[in-house]
């Protein structure tokens, strides 16, 4: 398993919740490379933010414009 840090790069509103720049989660993935923002990785990111902060992020915001992903190990 690999560990990744997913950090919000710019402020946005998703489902009437303000998502602030700098908000970050750490997630574990079976993937060895960074989560793909176009497929299963998108779901992992959404679930991590929902589980940690109780916010639902719409699919259209899960992109490299709004998120920075860094592999930790």
C-alpha atoms as a PDB file:
ATOM      1  CA  UNK A   1       0.000   0.000   0.000  1.00  0.00           C
ATOM      2  CA  UNK A   2       1.084   3.526  -0.734  1.00  0.00           C
ATOM      3  CA  UNK A   3       0.325   6.648   1.255  1.00  0.00           C
ATOM      4  CA  UNK A   4      -0.603   9.948  -0.420  1.00  0.00           C
ATOM      5  CA  UNK A   5      -1.221  13.484   0.758  1.00  0.00           C
ATOM      6  CA  UNK A   6      -4.060  15.237  -1.074  1.00  0.00           C
ATOM      7  CA  UNK A   7      -4.154  19.004  -0.551  1.00  0.00           C
ATOM      8  CA  UNK A   8      -6.609  21.646  -1.767  1.00  0.00           C
ATOM      9  CA  UNK A   9      -4.795  24.201  -3.982  1.00  0.00           C
ATOM     10  CA  UNK A  10      -7.534  26.865  -4.216  1.00  0.00           C
ATOM     11  CA  UNK A  11     -10.823  27.717  -2.515  1.00  0.00           C
ATOM     12  CA  UNK A  12     -14.114  26.472  -4.015  1.00  0.00           C
ATOM     13  CA  UNK A  13     -17.706  25.731  -2.981  1.00  0.00           C
ATOM     14  CA  UNK A  14     -19.065  22.208  -3.304  1.00  0.00           C
ATOM     15  CA  UNK A  15     -22.647  21.339  -2.356  1.00  0.00           C
ATOM     16  CA  UNK A  16     -23.006  24.584  -0.382  1.00  0.00           C
ATOM     17  CA  UNK A  17     -19.827  23.923   1.635  1.00  0.00           C
ATOM     18  CA  UNK A  18     -16.737  26.102   1.341  1.00  0.00           C
ATOM     19  CA  UNK A  19     -13.593  24.073   0.754  1.00  0.00           C
ATOM     20  CA  UNK A  20     -10.561  26.078   1.872  1.00  0.00           C
ATOM     21  CA  UNK A  21      -7.100  26.169   0.327  1.00  0.00           C
ATOM     22  CA  UNK A  22      -4.655  24.132   2.430  1.00  0.00           C
ATOM     23  CA  UNK A  23      -7.207  21.549   3.625  1.00  0.00           C
ATOM     24  CA  UNK A  24      -5.553  18.143   3.301  1.00  0.00           C
ATOM     25  CA  UNK A  25      -6.097  14.455   3.868  1.00  0.00           C
ATOM     26  CA  UNK A  26      -3.805  11.463   3.870  1.00  0.00           C
ATOM     27  CA  UNK A  27      -5.074   8.390   2.106  1.00  0.00           C
ATOM     28  CA  UNK A  28      -3.892   4.844   1.627  1.00  0.00           C
ATOM     29  CA  UNK A  29      -4.181   3.260  -1.786  1.00  0.00           C
ATOM     30  CA  UNK A  30      -3.376  -0.073  -3.350  1.00  0.00           C
ATOM     31  CA  UNK A  31      -2.002   1.892  -6.297  1.00  0.00           C
ATOM     32  CA  UNK A  32       1.735   2.571  -6.421  1.00  0.00           C
ATOM     33  CA  UNK A  33       1.338   5.849  -8.309  1.00  0.00           C
ATOM     34  CA  UNK A  34      -0.728   8.912  -7.380  1.00  0.00           C
ATOM     35  CA  UNK A  35      -4.507   8.438  -7.513  1.00  0.00           C
ATOM     36  CA  UNK A  36      -5.837   9.044 -10.988  1.00  0.00           C
ATOM     37  CA  UNK A  37      -8.089  12.111 -10.957  1.00  0.00           C
ATOM     38  CA  UNK A  38     -10.218  10.661 -13.756  1.00  0.00           C
ATOM     39  CA  UNK A  39     -11.281   7.267 -12.369  1.00  0.00           C
ATOM     40  CA  UNK A  40     -11.042   5.209  -9.181  1.00  0.00           C
ATOM     41  CA  UNK A  41      -8.673   7.717  -7.608  1.00  0.00           C
ATOM     42  CA  UNK A  42     -11.436  10.320  -7.771  1.00  0.00           C
ATOM     43  CA  UNK A  43     -13.633   8.105  -5.589  1.00  0.00           C
ATOM     44  CA  UNK A  44     -10.792   7.549  -3.088  1.00  0.00           C
ATOM     45  CA  UNK A  45     -10.285  11.308  -2.765  1.00  0.00           C
ATOM     46  CA  UNK A  46     -14.015  11.986  -2.360  1.00  0.00           C
ATOM     47  CA  UNK A  47     -14.300   9.311   0.330  1.00  0.00           C
ATOM     48  CA  UNK A  48     -11.244  10.578   2.219  1.00  0.00           C
ATOM     49  CA  UNK A  49     -12.621  14.128   2.458  1.00  0.00           C
ATOM     50  CA  UNK A  50     -16.080  12.874   3.397  1.00  0.00           C
ATOM     51  CA  UNK A  51     -14.719  10.564   6.125  1.00  0.00           C
ATOM     52  CA  UNK A  52     -12.295  13.137   7.575  1.00  0.00           C
ATOM     53  CA  UNK A  53     -14.283  16.367   7.280  1.00  0.00           C
ATOM     54  CA  UNK A  54     -17.855  15.387   6.440  1.00  0.00           C
ATOM     55  CA  UNK A  55     -17.829  17.298   3.148  1.00  0.00           C
ATOM     56  CA  UNK A  56     -18.942  15.930  -0.192  1.00  0.00           C
ATOM     57  CA  UNK A  57     -16.877  17.111  -3.107  1.00  0.00           C
ATOM     58  CA  UNK A  58     -18.490  17.151  -6.520  1.00  0.00           C
ATOM     59  CA  UNK A  59     -16.701  15.269  -9.299  1.00  0.00           C
ATOM     60  CA  UNK A  60     -16.148  18.413 -11.356  1.00  0.00           C
ATOM     61  CA  UNK A  61     -13.828  19.810  -8.660  1.00  0.00           C
ATOM     62  CA  UNK A  62     -11.581  16.773  -8.402  1.00  0.00           C
ATOM     63  CA  UNK A  63      -8.887  17.876 -10.819  1.00  0.00           C
ATOM     64  CA  UNK A  64      -5.321  19.086 -10.824  1.00  0.00           C
ATOM     65  CA  UNK A  65      -6.690  22.656 -10.842  1.00  0.00           C
ATOM     66  CA  UNK A  66      -8.007  22.209  -7.298  1.00  0.00           C
ATOM     67  CA  UNK A  67      -5.906  19.420  -5.780  1.00  0.00           C
ATOM     68  CA  UNK A  68      -2.226  18.628  -5.349  1.00  0.00           C
ATOM     69  CA  UNK A  69      -1.269  14.996  -4.745  1.00  0.00           C
ATOM     70  CA  UNK A  70       2.054  13.952  -3.240  1.00  0.00           C
ATOM     71  CA  UNK A  71       3.277  10.427  -2.543  1.00  0.00           C
ATOM     72  CA  UNK A  72       4.536  10.087   1.040  1.00  0.00           C
ATOM     73  CA  UNK A  73       6.240   6.677   0.922  1.00  0.00           C
END
